[in-house]
Amino acid sequence: MTKAEFLDVLAGDNRVGNKKEAAAAVDAVLDAITGVLAKGGEVNFTGFGKFAVAERGPRQGVNPRTGERIFIPGGKVPRFSAGSALKKQVKGGSSGGSSEGRGAAA
């Protein structure tokens, strides 16, 4: 599902006014999560999941064109860990109410 399709679902769900308001709300949430992660923090939505920053260590790699060994420096990367309620919904399908379009943003 693309962002545009996701916005259509939100706007059509009558939870958010129109597509423009849905886009503003989604952008605000994503900007807030990005800002927290950029500062090294984490965002936890109980039952849905946790966004956090993880350290990736340096490692050896191989250039696929030349086969030459290269050094890949370590760094920080974003991570998402699904919460128990999200895992249960994905594993067991919908269990009450319409779940069409939900969970696709993750």
Protein backbone atom coordinates (compact mmCIF):
# COMPACT_ATOMS: atom_id res chain seq x y z
CA MET A 1 0.00 0.00 0.00
CA THR A 2 1.38 3.39 -0.95
CA LYS A 3 1.07 6.53 1.15
CA ALA A 4 -1.56 7.90 -1.25
CA GLU A 5 -3.62 4.70 -0.93
CA PHE A 6 -3.24 4.81 2.85
CA LEU A 7 -4.48 8.43 2.89
CA ASP A 8 -7.50 7.37 0.82
CA VAL A 9 -8.31 4.71 3.42
CA LEU A 10 -7.98 7.21 6.29
CA ALA A 11 -10.08 9.85 4.56
CA GLY A 12 -12.72 7.29 3.56
CA ASP A 13 -12.87 5.84 7.08
CA ASN A 14 -14.53 9.05 8.38
CA ARG A 15 -11.91 9.22 11.14
CA VAL A 16 -10.16 12.15 9.51
CA GLY A 17 -11.95 14.89 7.56
CA ASN A 18 -10.57 14.78 4.03
CA LYS A 19 -7.45 13.58 2.24
CA LYS A 20 -5.60 16.85 2.90
CA GLU A 21 -6.28 16.61 6.65
CA ALA A 22 -5.29 12.94 6.62
CA ALA A 23 -2.00 13.82 4.90
CA ALA A 24 -1.27 16.52 7.49
CA ALA A 25 -2.00 14.11 10.36
CA VAL A 26 0.14 11.31 8.92
CA ASP A 27 3.01 13.72 8.15
CA ALA A 28 2.84 15.11 11.70
CA VAL A 29 3.04 11.62 13.23
CA LEU A 30 5.91 10.54 10.97
CA ASP A 31 7.81 13.80 11.61
CA ALA A 32 7.41 13.37 15.37
CA ILE A 33 8.65 9.76 15.28
CA THR A 34 11.58 10.76 13.05
CA GLY A 35 12.51 13.60 15.40
CA VAL A 36 12.53 11.34 18.47
CA LEU A 37 14.62 8.68 16.68
CA ALA A 38 17.08 11.30 15.39
CA LYS A 39 17.75 12.26 19.03
CA GLY A 40 18.37 8.60 19.93
CA GLY A 41 15.04 8.05 21.68
CA GLU A 42 12.31 5.51 21.13
CA VAL A 43 8.55 5.66 20.53
CA ASN A 44 6.36 2.94 22.01
CA PHE A 45 2.72 2.38 21.05
CA THR A 46 1.51 -0.28 23.49
CA GLY A 47 0.20 -3.28 21.60
CA PHE A 48 1.20 -1.88 18.21
CA GLY A 49 4.97 -1.72 18.43
CA LYS A 50 8.13 0.17 19.24
CA PHE A 51 10.30 2.37 17.04
CA ALA A 52 13.90 2.55 18.30
CA VAL A 53 17.47 3.23 17.19
CA ALA A 54 19.98 0.37 17.05
CA GLU A 55 23.75 0.35 16.56
CA ARG A 56 25.05 -1.60 13.60
CA GLY A 57 28.69 -2.63 13.95
CA PRO A 58 31.32 -2.28 11.25
CA ARG A 59 31.70 -5.24 8.94
CA GLN A 60 33.40 -6.59 5.84
CA GLY A 61 31.48 -6.64 2.59
CA VAL A 62 32.07 -7.59 -1.02
CA ASN A 63 31.66 -5.28 -4.02
CA PRO A 64 29.29 -7.30 -6.26
CA ARG A 65 30.81 -5.91 -9.48
CA THR A 66 34.47 -6.50 -8.73
CA GLY A 67 34.40 -9.10 -5.97
CA GLU A 68 36.74 -6.81 -4.00
CA ARG A 69 36.45 -6.87 -0.22
CA ILE A 70 35.33 -3.55 1.24
CA PHE A 71 34.95 -2.15 4.75
CA ILE A 72 31.43 -1.05 5.72
CA PRO A 73 31.47 1.32 8.70
CA GLY A 74 28.98 0.88 11.52
CA GLY A 75 26.25 3.36 12.32
CA LYS A 76 22.80 3.92 13.73
CA VAL A 77 19.74 2.41 12.05
CA PRO A 78 16.01 2.65 12.81
CA ARG A 79 14.25 -0.49 14.01
CA PHE A 80 10.62 -1.45 14.48
CA SER A 81 9.48 -4.22 16.80
CA ALA A 82 5.87 -5.30 16.42
CA GLY A 83 3.77 -5.41 19.57
CA SER A 84 1.76 -8.39 20.74
CA ALA A 85 -1.63 -7.08 19.61
CA LEU A 86 -0.30 -6.33 16.10
CA LYS A 87 1.32 -9.75 15.87
CA LYS A 88 -1.93 -11.40 16.97
CA GLN A 89 -3.98 -9.46 14.36
CA VAL A 90 -1.56 -10.32 11.55
CA LYS A 91 -1.28 -13.97 12.55
CA GLY A 92 -4.97 -14.60 13.17
CA GLY A 93 -6.55 -12.21 10.69
CA SER A 94 -9.28 -9.82 11.69
CA SER A 95 -11.04 -10.53 14.95
CA GLY A 96 -13.88 -8.07 15.08
CA GLY A 97 -14.62 -5.02 13.00
CA SER A 98 -13.22 -4.19 9.62
CA SER A 99 -9.44 -4.29 9.50
CA GLU A 100 -9.19 -3.39 5.81
CA GLY A 101 -6.26 -1.03 5.32
CA ARG A 102 -5.14 -1.10 8.94
CA GLY A 103 -1.57 -1.92 9.84
CA ALA A 104 -0.27 -1.22 6.36
CA ALA A 105 1.70 1.84 7.46
CA ALA A 106 4.14 -0.23 9.45
